[in-house]
PDB file of N, CA and C in Angstrom:
ATOM      1  N   UNK A   1    -118.366 135.620  96.042  1.00  0.00           N
ATOM      2  CA  UNK A   1    -117.986 136.548  97.095  1.00  0.00           C
ATOM      3  C   UNK A   1    -116.601 136.251  97.646  1.00  0.00           C
ATOM      4  N   UNK A   2    -115.839 135.402  96.990  1.00  0.00           N
ATOM      5  CA  UNK A   2    -114.511 135.063  97.485  1.00  0.00           C
ATOM      6  C   UNK A   2    -113.522 136.194  97.266  1.00  0.00           C
ATOM      7  N   UNK A   3    -113.895 137.242  96.557  1.00  0.00           N
ATOM      8  CA  UNK A   3    -113.006 138.370  96.314  1.00  0.00           C
ATOM      9  C   UNK A   3    -113.139 139.458  97.368  1.00  0.00           C
ATOM     10  N   UNK A   4    -113.733 139.137  98.484  1.00  0.00           N
ATOM     11  CA  UNK A   4    -113.882 140.123  99.550  1.00  0.00           C
ATOM     12  C   UNK A   4    -112.523 140.439 100.147  1.00  0.00           C
ATOM     13  N   UNK A   5    -112.301 141.698 100.507  1.00  0.00           N
ATOM     14  CA  UNK A   5    -111.016 142.045 101.113  1.00  0.00           C
ATOM     15  C   UNK A   5    -110.858 141.426 102.492  1.00  0.00           C
ATOM     16  N   UNK A   6    -109.629 141.155 102.846  1.00  0.00           N
ATOM     17  CA  UNK A   6    -109.334 140.637 104.179  1.00  0.00           C
ATOM     18  C   UNK A   6    -109.433 141.784 105.176  1.00  0.00           C
ATOM     19  N   UNK A   7    -110.041 141.507 106.311  1.00  0.00           N
ATOM     20  CA  UNK A   7    -110.056 142.496 107.381  1.00  0.00           C
ATOM     21  C   UNK A   7    -109.454 141.845 108.619  1.00  0.00           C
ATOM     22  N   UNK A   8    -108.760 142.662 109.393  1.00  0.00           N
ATOM     23  CA  UNK A   8    -108.103 142.161 110.596  1.00  0.00           C
ATOM     24  C   UNK A   8    -109.136 141.857 111.673  1.00  0.00           C
ATOM     25  N   UNK A   9    -108.672 141.190 112.720  1.00  0.00           N
ATOM     26  CA  UNK A   9    -109.565 140.879 113.841  1.00  0.00           C
ATOM     27  C   UNK A   9    -110.108 142.163 114.469  1.00  0.00           C
ATOM     28  N   UNK A  10    -109.251 143.154 114.630  1.00  0.00           N
ATOM     29  CA  UNK A  10    -109.689 144.426 115.207  1.00  0.00           C
ATOM     30  C   UNK A  10    -110.698 145.116 114.287  1.00  0.00           C
ATOM     31  N   UNK A  11    -110.427 145.109 112.994  1.00  0.00           N
ATOM     32  CA  UNK A  11    -111.360 145.711 112.041  1.00  0.00           C
ATOM     33  C   UNK A  11    -112.692 144.978 112.066  1.00  0.00           C
ATOM     34  N   UNK A  12    -112.651 143.664 112.283  1.00  0.00           N
ATOM     35  CA  UNK A  12    -113.882 142.892 112.362  1.00  0.00           C
ATOM     36  C   UNK A  12    -114.747 143.360 113.538  1.00  0.00           C
ATOM     37  N   UNK A  13    -114.122 143.700 114.646  1.00  0.00           N
ATOM     38  CA  UNK A  13    -114.871 144.192 115.812  1.00  0.00           C
ATOM     39  C   UNK A  13    -115.610 145.475 115.449  1.00  0.00           C
ATOM     40  N   UNK A  14    -114.926 146.372 114.746  1.00  0.00           N
ATOM     41  CA  UNK A  14    -115.553 147.628 114.299  1.00  0.00           C
ATOM     42  C   UNK A  14    -116.660 147.311 113.293  1.00  0.00           C
ATOM     43  N   UNK A  15    -116.349 146.430 112.360  1.00  0.00           N
ATOM     44  CA  UNK A  15    -117.313 146.058 111.325  1.00  0.00           C
ATOM     45  C   UNK A  15    -118.571 145.470 111.946  1.00  0.00           C
ATOM     46  N   UNK A  16    -118.403 144.682 112.995  1.00  0.00           N
ATOM     47  CA  UNK A  16    -119.550 144.075 113.661  1.00  0.00           C
ATOM     48  C   UNK A  16    -120.490 145.141 114.230  1.00  0.00           C
ATOM     49  N   UNK A  17    -119.926 146.206 114.764  1.00  0.00           N
ATOM     50  CA  UNK A  17    -120.751 147.314 115.267  1.00  0.00           C
ATOM     51  C   UNK A  17    -121.522 147.947 114.113  1.00  0.00           C
ATOM     52  N   UNK A  18    -120.860 148.158 112.992  1.00  0.00           N
ATOM     53  CA  UNK A  18    -121.537 148.739 111.828  1.00  0.00           C
ATOM     54  C   UNK A  18    -122.645 147.802 111.347  1.00  0.00           C
ATOM     55  N   UNK A  19    -122.352 146.500 111.262  1.00  0.00           N
ATOM     56  CA  UNK A  19    -123.389 145.555 110.846  1.00  0.00           C
ATOM     57  C   UNK A  19    -124.596 145.594 111.776  1.00  0.00           C
ATOM     58  N   UNK A  20    -124.351 145.637 113.054  1.00  0.00           N
ATOM     59  CA  UNK A  20    -125.442 145.573 114.032  1.00  0.00           C
ATOM     60  C   UNK A  20    -126.298 146.838 114.070  1.00  0.00           C
ATOM     61  N   UNK A  21    -125.673 148.006 113.916  1.00  0.00           N
ATOM     62  CA  UNK A  21    -126.377 149.250 114.209  1.00  0.00           C
ATOM     63  C   UNK A  21    -126.507 150.207 113.031  1.00  0.00           C
ATOM     64  N   UNK A  22    -126.110 149.794 111.852  1.00  0.00           N
ATOM     65  CA  UNK A  22    -126.161 150.683 110.688  1.00  0.00           C
ATOM     66  C   UNK A  22    -127.590 151.118 110.389  1.00  0.00           C
ATOM     67  N   UNK A  23    -127.744 152.339 109.932  1.00  0.00           N
ATOM     68  CA  UNK A  23    -126.719 153.368 109.784  1.00  0.00           C
ATOM     69  C   UNK A  23    -126.290 153.896 111.151  1.00  0.00           C
ATOM     70  N   UNK A  24    -124.988 154.129 111.295  1.00  0.00           N
ATOM     71  CA  UNK A  24    -124.441 154.535 112.590  1.00  0.00           C
ATOM     72  C   UNK A  24    -123.383 155.619 112.400  1.00  0.00           C
ATOM     73  N   UNK A  25    -123.437 156.626 113.253  1.00  0.00           N
ATOM     74  CA  UNK A  25    -122.490 157.746 113.163  1.00  0.00           C
ATOM     75  C   UNK A  25    -121.136 157.359 113.741  1.00  0.00           C
ATOM     76  N   UNK A  26    -120.141 158.119 113.352  1.00  0.00           N
ATOM     77  CA  UNK A  26    -118.797 157.913 113.905  1.00  0.00           C
ATOM     78  C   UNK A  26    -118.836 157.958 115.423  1.00  0.00           C
ATOM     79  N   UNK A  27    -119.521 158.959 115.967  1.00  0.00           N
ATOM     80  CA  UNK A  27    -119.577 159.105 117.428  1.00  0.00           C
ATOM     81  C   UNK A  27    -120.227 157.897 118.098  1.00  0.00           C
ATOM     82  N   UNK A  28    -121.265 157.356 117.471  1.00  0.00           N
ATOM     83  CA  UNK A  28    -121.929 156.189 118.058  1.00  0.00           C
ATOM     84  C   UNK A  28    -121.033 154.952 118.004  1.00  0.00           C
ATOM     85  N   UNK A  29    -120.292 154.790 116.909  1.00  0.00           N
ATOM     86  CA  UNK A  29    -119.346 153.678 116.830  1.00  0.00           C
ATOM     87  C   UNK A  29    -118.311 153.825 117.938  1.00  0.00           C
ATOM     88  N   UNK A  30    -117.756 155.014 118.062  1.00  0.00           N
ATOM     89  CA  UNK A  30    -116.745 155.274 119.088  1.00  0.00           C
ATOM     90  C   UNK A  30    -117.316 155.024 120.478  1.00  0.00           C
ATOM     91  N   UNK A  31    -118.494 155.552 120.758  1.00  0.00           N
ATOM     92  CA  UNK A  31    -119.113 155.378 122.076  1.00  0.00           C
ATOM     93  C   UNK A  31    -119.290 153.900 122.427  1.00  0.00           C
ATOM     94  N   UNK A  32    -119.694 153.097 121.472  1.00  0.00           N
ATOM     95  CA  UNK A  32    -119.895 151.673 121.735  1.00  0.00           C
ATOM     96  C   UNK A  32    -118.571 150.949 121.981  1.00  0.00           C
ATOM     97  N   UNK A  33    -117.542 151.304 121.203  1.00  0.00           N
ATOM     98  CA  UNK A  33    -116.287 150.563 121.290  1.00  0.00           C
ATOM     99  C   UNK A  33    -115.374 150.997 122.432  1.00  0.00           C
ATOM    100  N   UNK A  34    -115.448 152.247 122.857  1.00  0.00           N
ATOM    101  CA  UNK A  34    -114.604 152.642 123.989  1.00  0.00           C
ATOM    102  C   UNK A  34    -115.062 151.968 125.275  1.00  0.00           C
ATOM    103  N   UNK A  35    -116.309 151.500 125.287  1.00  0.00           N
ATOM    104  CA  UNK A  35    -116.825 150.789 126.463  1.00  0.00           C
ATOM    105  C   UNK A  35    -116.352 149.332 126.518  1.00  0.00           C
ATOM    106  N   UNK A  36    -116.042 148.755 125.365  1.00  0.00           N
ATOM    107  CA  UNK A  36    -115.722 147.327 125.314  1.00  0.00           C
ATOM    108  C   UNK A  36    -114.286 147.032 124.896  1.00  0.00           C
ATOM    109  N   UNK A  37    -113.532 148.061 124.533  1.00  0.00           N
ATOM    110  CA  UNK A  37    -112.139 147.886 124.123  1.00  0.00           C
ATOM    111  C   UNK A  37    -111.273 148.906 124.846  1.00  0.00           C
ATOM    112  N   UNK A  38    -109.985 148.825 124.632  1.00  0.00           N
ATOM    113  CA  UNK A  38    -109.071 149.819 125.193  1.00  0.00           C
ATOM    114  C   UNK A  38    -108.618 150.811 124.124  1.00  0.00           C
ATOM    115  N   UNK A  39    -109.341 150.850 123.010  1.00  0.00           N
ATOM    116  CA  UNK A  39    -108.964 151.706 121.897  1.00  0.00           C
ATOM    117  C   UNK A  39    -109.348 153.153 122.150  1.00  0.00           C
ATOM    118  N   UNK A  40    -108.541 154.031 121.607  1.00  0.00           N
ATOM    119  CA  UNK A  40    -108.849 155.457 121.660  1.00  0.00           C
ATOM    120  C   UNK A  40    -109.825 155.785 120.525  1.00  0.00           C
ATOM    121  N   UNK A  41    -110.526 156.903 120.648  1.00  0.00           N
ATOM    122  CA  UNK A  41    -111.399 157.317 119.542  1.00  0.00           C
ATOM    123  C   UNK A  41    -110.641 157.441 118.213  1.00  0.00           C
ATOM    124  N   UNK A  42    -109.415 157.937 118.260  1.00  0.00           N
ATOM    125  CA  UNK A  42    -108.616 158.078 117.035  1.00  0.00           C
ATOM    126  C   UNK A  42    -108.346 156.719 116.394  1.00  0.00           C
ATOM    127  N   UNK A  43    -108.044 155.701 117.199  1.00  0.00           N
ATOM    128  CA  UNK A  43    -107.819 154.352 116.684  1.00  0.00           C
ATOM    129  C   UNK A  43    -109.078 153.828 115.993  1.00  0.00           C
ATOM    130  N   UNK A  44    -110.222 154.043 116.599  1.00  0.00           N
ATOM    131  CA  UNK A  44    -111.491 153.582 116.026  1.00  0.00           C
ATOM    132  C   UNK A  44    -111.769 154.313 114.720  1.00  0.00           C
ATOM    133  N   UNK A  45    -111.528 155.609 114.696  1.00  0.00           N
ATOM    134  CA  UNK A  45    -111.729 156.384 113.465  1.00  0.00           C
ATOM    135  C   UNK A  45    -110.793 155.906 112.362  1.00  0.00           C
ATOM    136  N   UNK A  46    -109.559 155.551 112.732  1.00  0.00           N
ATOM    137  CA  UNK A  46    -108.606 155.024 111.750  1.00  0.00           C
ATOM    138  C   UNK A  46    -109.116 153.708 111.175  1.00  0.00           C
ATOM    139  N   UNK A  47    -109.647 152.840 112.021  1.00  0.00           N
ATOM    140  CA  UNK A  47    -110.166 151.563 111.535  1.00  0.00           C
ATOM    141  C   UNK A  47    -111.389 151.767 110.632  1.00  0.00           C
ATOM    142  N   UNK A  48    -112.242 152.732 110.951  1.00  0.00           N
ATOM    143  CA  UNK A  48    -113.367 153.052 110.066  1.00  0.00           C
ATOM    144  C   UNK A  48    -112.858 153.484 108.699  1.00  0.00           C
ATOM    145  N   UNK A  49    -111.842 154.314 108.712  1.00  0.00           N
ATOM    146  CA  UNK A  49    -111.255 154.781 107.454  1.00  0.00           C
ATOM    147  C   UNK A  49    -110.670 153.616 106.653  1.00  0.00           C
ATOM    148  N   UNK A  50    -109.961 152.722 107.321  1.00  0.00           N
ATOM    149  CA  UNK A  50    -109.391 151.544 106.641  1.00  0.00           C
ATOM    150  C   UNK A  50    -110.479 150.666 106.043  1.00  0.00           C
ATOM    151  N   UNK A  51    -111.535 150.448 106.804  1.00  0.00           N
ATOM    152  CA  UNK A  51    -112.639 149.624 106.305  1.00  0.00           C
ATOM    153  C   UNK A  51    -113.292 150.267 105.076  1.00  0.00           C
ATOM    154  N   UNK A  52    -113.375 151.585 105.096  1.00  0.00           N
ATOM    155  CA  UNK A  52    -113.945 152.283 103.941  1.00  0.00           C
ATOM    156  C   UNK A  52    -113.021 152.157 102.727  1.00  0.00           C
ATOM    157  N   UNK A  53    -111.716 152.286 102.935  1.00  0.00           N
ATOM    158  CA  UNK A  53    -110.758 152.123 101.833  1.00  0.00           C
ATOM    159  C   UNK A  53    -110.783 150.709 101.274  1.00  0.00           C
ATOM    160  N   UNK A  54    -111.075 149.728 102.115  1.00  0.00           N
ATOM    161  CA  UNK A  54    -111.156 148.340 101.666  1.00  0.00           C
ATOM    162  C   UNK A  54    -112.474 148.049 100.946  1.00  0.00           C
ATOM    163  N   UNK A  55    -113.406 148.988 101.024  1.00  0.00           N
ATOM    164  CA  UNK A  55    -114.659 148.830 100.302  1.00  0.00           C
ATOM    165  C   UNK A  55    -115.713 147.996 100.991  1.00  0.00           C
ATOM    166  N   UNK A  56    -115.601 147.846 102.315  1.00  0.00           N
ATOM    167  CA  UNK A  56    -116.609 147.054 103.026  1.00  0.00           C
ATOM    168  C   UNK A  56    -117.640 147.925 103.745  1.00  0.00           C
ATOM    169  N   UNK A  57    -117.324 149.200 103.922  1.00  0.00           N
ATOM    170  CA  UNK A  57    -118.294 150.159 104.454  1.00  0.00           C
ATOM    171  C   UNK A  57    -118.199 151.437 103.618  1.00  0.00           C
ATOM    172  N   UNK A  58    -119.199 152.275 103.769  1.00  0.00           N
ATOM    173  CA  UNK A  58    -119.198 153.598 103.149  1.00  0.00           C
ATOM    174  C   UNK A  58    -119.872 154.548 104.126  1.00  0.00           C
ATOM    175  N   UNK A  59    -119.775 155.832 103.822  1.00  0.00           N
ATOM    176  CA  UNK A  59    -120.443 156.798 104.687  1.00  0.00           C
ATOM    177  C   UNK A  59    -121.192 157.818 103.831  1.00  0.00           C
ATOM    178  N   UNK A  60    -122.134 158.437 104.473  1.00  0.00           N
ATOM    179  CA  UNK A  60    -122.776 159.610 103.908  1.00  0.00           C
ATOM    180  C   UNK A  60    -122.646 160.706 104.957  1.00  0.00           C
ATOM    181  N   UNK A  61    -122.625 161.918 104.513  1.00  0.00           N
ATOM    182  CA  UNK A  61    -122.455 163.037 105.439  1.00  0.00           C
ATOM    183  C   UNK A  61    -123.818 163.645 105.725  1.00  0.00           C
ATOM    184  N   UNK A  62    -124.146 163.730 106.999  1.00  0.00           N
ATOM    185  CA  UNK A  62    -125.373 164.375 107.458  1.00  0.00           C
ATOM    186  C   UNK A  62    -124.959 165.548 108.319  1.00  0.00           C
ATOM    187  N   UNK A  63    -125.107 166.741 107.785  1.00  0.00           N
ATOM    188  CA  UNK A  63    -124.547 167.953 108.395  1.00  0.00           C
ATOM    189  C   UNK A  63    -123.039 167.763 108.488  1.00  0.00           C
ATOM    190  N   UNK A  64    -122.519 167.744 109.702  1.00  0.00           N
ATOM    191  CA  UNK A  64    -121.076 167.558 109.890  1.00  0.00           C
ATOM    192  C   UNK A  64    -120.747 166.167 110.403  1.00  0.00           C
ATOM    193  N   UNK A  65    -121.705 165.263 110.326  1.00  0.00           N
ATOM    194  CA  UNK A  65    -121.542 163.928 110.897  1.00  0.00           C
ATOM    195  C   UNK A  65    -121.444 162.892 109.785  1.00  0.00           C
ATOM    196  N   UNK A  66    -120.485 161.983 109.915  1.00  0.00           N
ATOM    197  CA  UNK A  66    -120.383 160.847 109.006  1.00  0.00           C
ATOM    198  C   UNK A  66    -121.258 159.721 109.551  1.00  0.00           C
ATOM    199  N   UNK A  67    -122.081 159.166 108.694  1.00  0.00           N
ATOM    200  CA  UNK A  67    -122.942 158.044 109.052  1.00  0.00           C
ATOM    201  C   UNK A  67    -122.522 156.865 108.182  1.00  0.00           C
ATOM    202  N   UNK A  68    -122.123 155.768 108.845  1.00  0.00           N
ATOM    203  CA  UNK A  68    -121.584 154.604 108.150  1.00  0.00           C
ATOM    204  C   UNK A  68    -122.643 153.534 107.942  1.00  0.00           C
ATOM    205  N   UNK A  69    -122.455 152.784 106.845  1.00  0.00           N
ATOM    206  CA  UNK A  69    -123.312 151.649 106.544  1.00  0.00           C
ATOM    207  C   UNK A  69    -122.464 150.604 105.814  1.00  0.00           C
ATOM    208  N   UNK A  70    -122.817 149.320 105.963  1.00  0.00           N
ATOM    209  CA  UNK A  70    -122.019 148.268 105.328  1.00  0.00           C
ATOM    210  C   UNK A  70    -122.303 148.172 103.832  1.00  0.00           C
ATOM    211  N   UNK A  71    -121.288 147.787 103.084  1.00  0.00           N
ATOM    212  CA  UNK A  71    -121.443 147.531 101.654  1.00  0.00           C
ATOM    213  C   UNK A  71    -121.544 146.034 101.375  1.00  0.00           C
ATOM    214  N   UNK A  72    -121.249 145.234 102.386  1.00  0.00           N
ATOM    215  CA  UNK A  72    -121.402 143.783 102.281  1.00  0.00           C
ATOM    216  C   UNK A  72    -122.192 143.300 103.494  1.00  0.00           C
ATOM    217  N   UNK A  73    -122.916 142.224 103.307  1.00  0.00           N
ATOM    218  CA  UNK A  73    -123.686 141.652 104.403  1.00  0.00           C
ATOM    219  C   UNK A  73    -122.781 140.770 105.263  1.00  0.00           C
ATOM    220  N   UNK A  74    -123.082 140.713 106.543  1.00  0.00           N
ATOM    221  CA  UNK A  74    -122.294 139.890 107.454  1.00  0.00           C
ATOM    222  C   UNK A  74    -122.312 138.430 107.020  1.00  0.00           C
ATOM    223  N   UNK A  75    -123.456 137.943 106.586  1.00  0.00           N
ATOM    224  CA  UNK A  75    -123.568 136.547 106.169  1.00  0.00           C
ATOM    225  C   UNK A  75    -122.656 136.251 104.987  1.00  0.00           C
ATOM    226  N   UNK A  76    -122.583 137.171 104.033  1.00  0.00           N
ATOM    227  CA  UNK A  76    -121.723 136.972 102.860  1.00  0.00           C
ATOM    228  C   UNK A  76    -120.258 136.948 103.273  1.00  0.00           C
ATOM    229  N   UNK A  77    -119.889 137.844 104.196  1.00  0.00           N
ATOM    230  CA  UNK A  77    -118.504 137.869 104.654  1.00  0.00           C
ATOM    231  C   UNK A  77    -118.175 136.602 105.445  1.00  0.00           C
ATOM    232  N   UNK A  78    -119.090 136.190 106.312  1.00  0.00           N
ATOM    233  CA  UNK A  78    -118.874 134.984 107.114  1.00  0.00           C
ATOM    234  C   UNK A  78    -118.741 133.759 106.220  1.00  0.00           C
ATOM    235  N   UNK A  79    -119.570 133.685 105.194  1.00  0.00           N
ATOM    236  CA  UNK A  79    -119.508 132.552 104.267  1.00  0.00           C
ATOM    237  C   UNK A  79    -118.159 132.519 103.541  1.00  0.00           C
ATOM    238  N   UNK A  80    -117.715 133.672 103.070  1.00  0.00           N
ATOM    239  CA  UNK A  80    -116.433 133.738 102.361  1.00  0.00           C
ATOM    240  C   UNK A  80    -115.273 133.396 103.293  1.00  0.00           C
ATOM    241  N   UNK A  81    -115.312 133.886 104.513  1.00  0.00           N
ATOM    242  CA  UNK A  81    -114.255 133.590 105.477  1.00  0.00           C
ATOM    243  C   UNK A  81    -114.262 132.117 105.864  1.00  0.00           C
ATOM    244  N   UNK A  82    -115.448 131.544 106.006  1.00  0.00           N
ATOM    245  CA  UNK A  82    -115.550 130.120 106.320  1.00  0.00           C
ATOM    246  C   UNK A  82    -114.961 129.267 105.209  1.00  0.00           C
ATOM    247  N   UNK A  83    -115.257 129.627 103.970  1.00  0.00           N
ATOM    248  CA  UNK A  83    -114.689 128.895 102.836  1.00  0.00           C
ATOM    249  C   UNK A  83    -113.176 129.061 102.794  1.00  0.00           C
ATOM    250  N   UNK A  84    -112.698 130.268 103.059  1.00  0.00           N
ATOM    251  CA  UNK A  84    -111.258 130.525 103.094  1.00  0.00           C
ATOM    252  C   UNK A  84    -110.588 129.658 104.162  1.00  0.00           C
ATOM    253  N   UNK A  85    -111.185 129.590 105.343  1.00  0.00           N
ATOM    254  CA  UNK A  85    -110.658 128.770 106.440  1.00  0.00           C
ATOM    255  C   UNK A  85    -110.630 127.296 106.038  1.00  0.00           C
ATOM    256  N   UNK A  86    -111.735 126.844 105.480  1.00  0.00           N
ATOM    257  CA  UNK A  86    -111.840 125.451 105.049  1.00  0.00           C
ATOM    258  C   UNK A  86    -110.771 125.126 104.005  1.00  0.00           C
ATOM    259  N   UNK A  87    -110.582 126.005 103.051  1.00  0.00           N
ATOM    260  CA  UNK A  87    -109.574 125.783 102.004  1.00  0.00           C
ATOM    261  C   UNK A  87    -108.155 125.813 102.566  1.00  0.00           C
ATOM    262  N   UNK A  88    -107.880 126.752 103.452  1.00  0.00           N
ATOM    263  CA  UNK A  88    -106.524 126.908 103.988  1.00  0.00           C
ATOM    264  C   UNK A  88    -106.100 125.758 104.885  1.00  0.00           C
ATOM    265  N   UNK A  89    -106.991 125.317 105.753  1.00  0.00           N
ATOM    266  CA  UNK A  89    -106.600 124.356 106.776  1.00  0.00           C
ATOM    267  C   UNK A  89    -107.030 122.913 106.495  1.00  0.00           C
ATOM    268  N   UNK A  90    -108.001 122.725 105.620  1.00  0.00           N
ATOM    269  CA  UNK A  90    -108.524 121.382 105.392  1.00  0.00           C
ATOM    270  C   UNK A  90    -108.632 121.043 103.904  1.00  0.00           C
ATOM    271  N   UNK A  91    -107.901 121.780 103.078  1.00  0.00           N
ATOM    272  CA  UNK A  91    -107.914 121.540 101.626  1.00  0.00           C
ATOM    273  C   UNK A  91    -109.327 121.480 101.065  1.00  0.00           C
ATOM    274  N   UNK A  92    -110.229 122.256 101.641  1.00  0.00           N
ATOM    275  CA  UNK A  92    -111.604 122.316 101.158  1.00  0.00           C
ATOM    276  C   UNK A  92    -112.475 121.146 101.569  1.00  0.00           C
ATOM    277  N   UNK A  93    -111.943 120.228 102.368  1.00  0.00           N
ATOM    278  CA  UNK A  93    -112.694 119.026 102.754  1.00  0.00           C
ATOM    279  C   UNK A  93    -113.485 119.297 104.032  1.00  0.00           C
ATOM    280  N   UNK A  94    -114.776 119.539 103.854  1.00  0.00           N
ATOM    281  CA  UNK A  94    -115.648 119.856 104.978  1.00  0.00           C
ATOM    282  C   UNK A  94    -115.674 118.737 106.009  1.00  0.00           C
ATOM    283  N   UNK A  95    -115.736 117.492 105.543  1.00  0.00           N
ATOM    284  CA  UNK A  95    -115.800 116.371 106.488  1.00  0.00           C
ATOM    285  C   UNK A  95    -114.549 116.305 107.367  1.00  0.00           C
ATOM    286  N   UNK A  96    -113.382 116.629 106.819  1.00  0.00           N
ATOM    287  CA  UNK A  96    -112.154 116.642 107.622  1.00  0.00           C
ATOM    288  C   UNK A  96    -112.219 117.703 108.713  1.00  0.00           C
ATOM    289  N   UNK A  97    -112.786 118.862 108.367  1.00  0.00           N
ATOM    290  CA  UNK A  97    -112.919 119.925 109.354  1.00  0.00           C
ATOM    291  C   UNK A  97    -113.852 119.489 110.483  1.00  0.00           C
ATOM    292  N   UNK A  98    -114.985 118.914 110.126  1.00  0.00           N
ATOM    293  CA  UNK A  98    -115.956 118.485 111.135  1.00  0.00           C
ATOM    294  C   UNK A  98    -115.344 117.420 112.040  1.00  0.00           C
ATOM    295  N   UNK A  99    -114.681 116.443 111.457  1.00  0.00           N
ATOM    296  CA  UNK A  99    -114.049 115.382 112.250  1.00  0.00           C
ATOM    297  C   UNK A  99    -113.007 115.979 113.189  1.00  0.00           C
ATOM    298  N   UNK A 100    -112.216 116.930 112.699  1.00  0.00           N
ATOM    299  CA  UNK A 100    -111.209 117.578 113.532  1.00  0.00           C
ATOM    300  C   UNK A 100    -111.843 118.275 114.731  1.00  0.00           C
ATOM    301  N   UNK A 101    -112.914 119.032 114.480  1.00  0.00           N
ATOM    302  CA  UNK A 101    -113.594 119.720 115.574  1.00  0.00           C
ATOM    303  C   UNK A 101    -114.236 118.728 116.542  1.00  0.00           C
ATOM    304  N   UNK A 102    -114.848 117.680 116.006  1.00  0.00           N
ATOM    305  CA  UNK A 102    -115.490 116.693 116.867  1.00  0.00           C
ATOM    306  C   UNK A 102    -114.477 115.966 117.743  1.00  0.00           C
ATOM    307  N   UNK A 103    -113.316 115.662 117.191  1.00  0.00           N
ATOM    308  CA  UNK A 103    -112.291 114.953 117.958  1.00  0.00           C
ATOM    309  C   UNK A 103    -111.679 115.816 119.053  1.00  0.00           C
ATOM    310  N   UNK A 104    -111.732 117.126 118.889  1.00  0.00           N
ATOM    311  CA  UNK A 104    -111.102 118.023 119.861  1.00  0.00           C
ATOM    312  C   UNK A 104    -112.105 118.669 120.818  1.00  0.00           C
ATOM    313  N   UNK A 105    -113.376 118.339 120.655  1.00  0.00           N
ATOM    314  CA  UNK A 105    -114.414 118.960 121.480  1.00  0.00           C
ATOM    315  C   UNK A 105    -115.041 117.939 122.417  1.00  0.00           C
ATOM    316  N   UNK A 106    -115.478 118.437 123.540  1.00  0.00           N
ATOM    317  CA  UNK A 106    -116.241 117.613 124.465  1.00  0.00           C
ATOM    318  C   UNK A 106    -117.712 117.912 124.178  1.00  0.00           C
ATOM    319  N   UNK A 107    -118.411 116.892 123.687  1.00  0.00           N
ATOM    320  CA  UNK A 107    -119.811 117.065 123.325  1.00  0.00           C
ATOM    321  C   UNK A 107    -120.701 116.323 124.315  1.00  0.00           C
ATOM    322  N   UNK A 108    -121.741 117.015 124.720  1.00  0.00           N
ATOM    323  CA  UNK A 108    -122.732 116.362 125.580  1.00  0.00           C
ATOM    324  C   UNK A 108    -123.673 115.537 124.703  1.00  0.00           C
ATOM    325  N   UNK A 109    -124.471 114.723 125.341  1.00  0.00           N
ATOM    326  CA  UNK A 109    -125.466 113.946 124.599  1.00  0.00           C
ATOM    327  C   UNK A 109    -126.437 114.880 123.877  1.00  0.00           C
ATOM    328  N   UNK A 110    -126.783 115.992 124.511  1.00  0.00           N
ATOM    329  CA  UNK A 110    -127.673 116.975 123.874  1.00  0.00           C
ATOM    330  C   UNK A 110    -127.016 117.590 122.638  1.00  0.00           C
ATOM    331  N   UNK A 111    -125.712 117.892 122.738  1.00  0.00           N
ATOM    332  CA  UNK A 111    -124.987 118.430 121.575  1.00  0.00           C
ATOM    333  C   UNK A 111    -125.033 117.446 120.414  1.00  0.00           C
ATOM    334  N   UNK A 112    -124.776 116.181 120.712  1.00  0.00           N
ATOM    335  CA  UNK A 112    -124.768 115.147 119.675  1.00  0.00           C
ATOM    336  C   UNK A 112    -126.164 115.000 119.067  1.00  0.00           C
ATOM    337  N   UNK A 113    -127.196 115.016 119.908  1.00  0.00           N
ATOM    338  CA  UNK A 113    -128.568 114.934 119.395  1.00  0.00           C
ATOM    339  C   UNK A 113    -128.892 116.114 118.485  1.00  0.00           C
ATOM    340  N   UNK A 114    -128.446 117.297 118.883  1.00  0.00           N
ATOM    341  CA  UNK A 114    -128.698 118.491 118.069  1.00  0.00           C
ATOM    342  C   UNK A 114    -127.983 118.396 116.718  1.00  0.00           C
ATOM    343  N   UNK A 115    -126.732 117.966 116.742  1.00  0.00           N
ATOM    344  CA  UNK A 115    -125.989 117.785 115.493  1.00  0.00           C
ATOM    345  C   UNK A 115    -126.658 116.741 114.600  1.00  0.00           C
ATOM    346  N   UNK A 116    -127.119 115.659 115.198  1.00  0.00           N
ATOM    347  CA  UNK A 116    -127.789 114.610 114.427  1.00  0.00           C
ATOM    348  C   UNK A 116    -129.070 115.149 113.796  1.00  0.00           C
ATOM    349  N   UNK A 117    -129.815 115.956 114.539  1.00  0.00           N
ATOM    350  CA  UNK A 117    -131.052 116.547 114.002  1.00  0.00           C
ATOM    351  C   UNK A 117    -130.739 117.471 112.820  1.00  0.00           C
ATOM    352  N   UNK A 118    -129.662 118.232 112.925  1.00  0.00           N
ATOM    353  CA  UNK A 118    -129.256 119.106 111.818  1.00  0.00           C
ATOM    354  C   UNK A 118    -128.904 118.274 110.592  1.00  0.00           C
ATOM    355  N   UNK A 119    -128.136 117.205 110.789  1.00  0.00           N
ATOM    356  CA  UNK A 119    -127.762 116.343 109.675  1.00  0.00           C
ATOM    357  C   UNK A 119    -128.986 115.653 109.055  1.00  0.00           C
ATOM    358  N   UNK A 120    -129.905 115.209 109.906  1.00  0.00           N
ATOM    359  CA  UNK A 120    -131.107 114.556 109.402  1.00  0.00           C
ATOM    360  C   UNK A 120    -131.942 115.539 108.566  1.00  0.00           C
ATOM    361  N   UNK A 121    -132.075 116.762 109.054  1.00  0.00           N
ATOM    362  CA  UNK A 121    -132.835 117.783 108.306  1.00  0.00           C
ATOM    363  C   UNK A 121    -132.145 118.097 106.983  1.00  0.00           C
ATOM    364  N   UNK A 122    -130.845 118.166 106.986  1.00  0.00           N
ATOM    365  CA  UNK A 122    -130.090 118.449 105.765  1.00  0.00           C
ATOM    366  C   UNK A 122    -130.280 117.315 104.753  1.00  0.00           C
ATOM    367  N   UNK A 123    -130.280 116.096 105.221  1.00  0.00           N
ATOM    368  CA  UNK A 123    -130.447 114.948 104.333  1.00  0.00           C
ATOM    369  C   UNK A 123    -131.808 114.992 103.648  1.00  0.00           C
ATOM    370  N   UNK A 124    -132.848 115.459 104.345  1.00  0.00           N
ATOM    371  CA  UNK A 124    -134.192 115.507 103.788  1.00  0.00           C
ATOM    372  C   UNK A 124    -134.342 116.593 102.730  1.00  0.00           C
ATOM    373  N   UNK A 125    -133.443 117.564 102.711  1.00  0.00           N
ATOM    374  CA  UNK A 125    -133.542 118.677 101.750  1.00  0.00           C
ATOM    375  C   UNK A 125    -133.272 118.236 100.352  1.00  0.00           C
TER     376      UNK A 125
END
């Protein structure tokens, strides 16, 4: 899945609405995003069109309404983006990324216990 097209941060916001509510009409996407962004309906429609051209969403026409649905799963996109981030900033070294985040974060004892439990469960797999 590393051949997924790049989408901008703004396009990701639109894509997230499609992932959450698909199948979803253009009007419903617009209604949701005008409440949480400063974008105009035309801007949102343009981003839907761009996402469709990139091959990450598609639409079907129901009467005069376009209904959008994702062509890729959010998990697949997140996994590919995570790998891209890891490769770009940490030369693919997961442990370097984790150490970097741990050194720059303030972790509570509960956070550390939770991380340890995750690592322990992973080791048992």
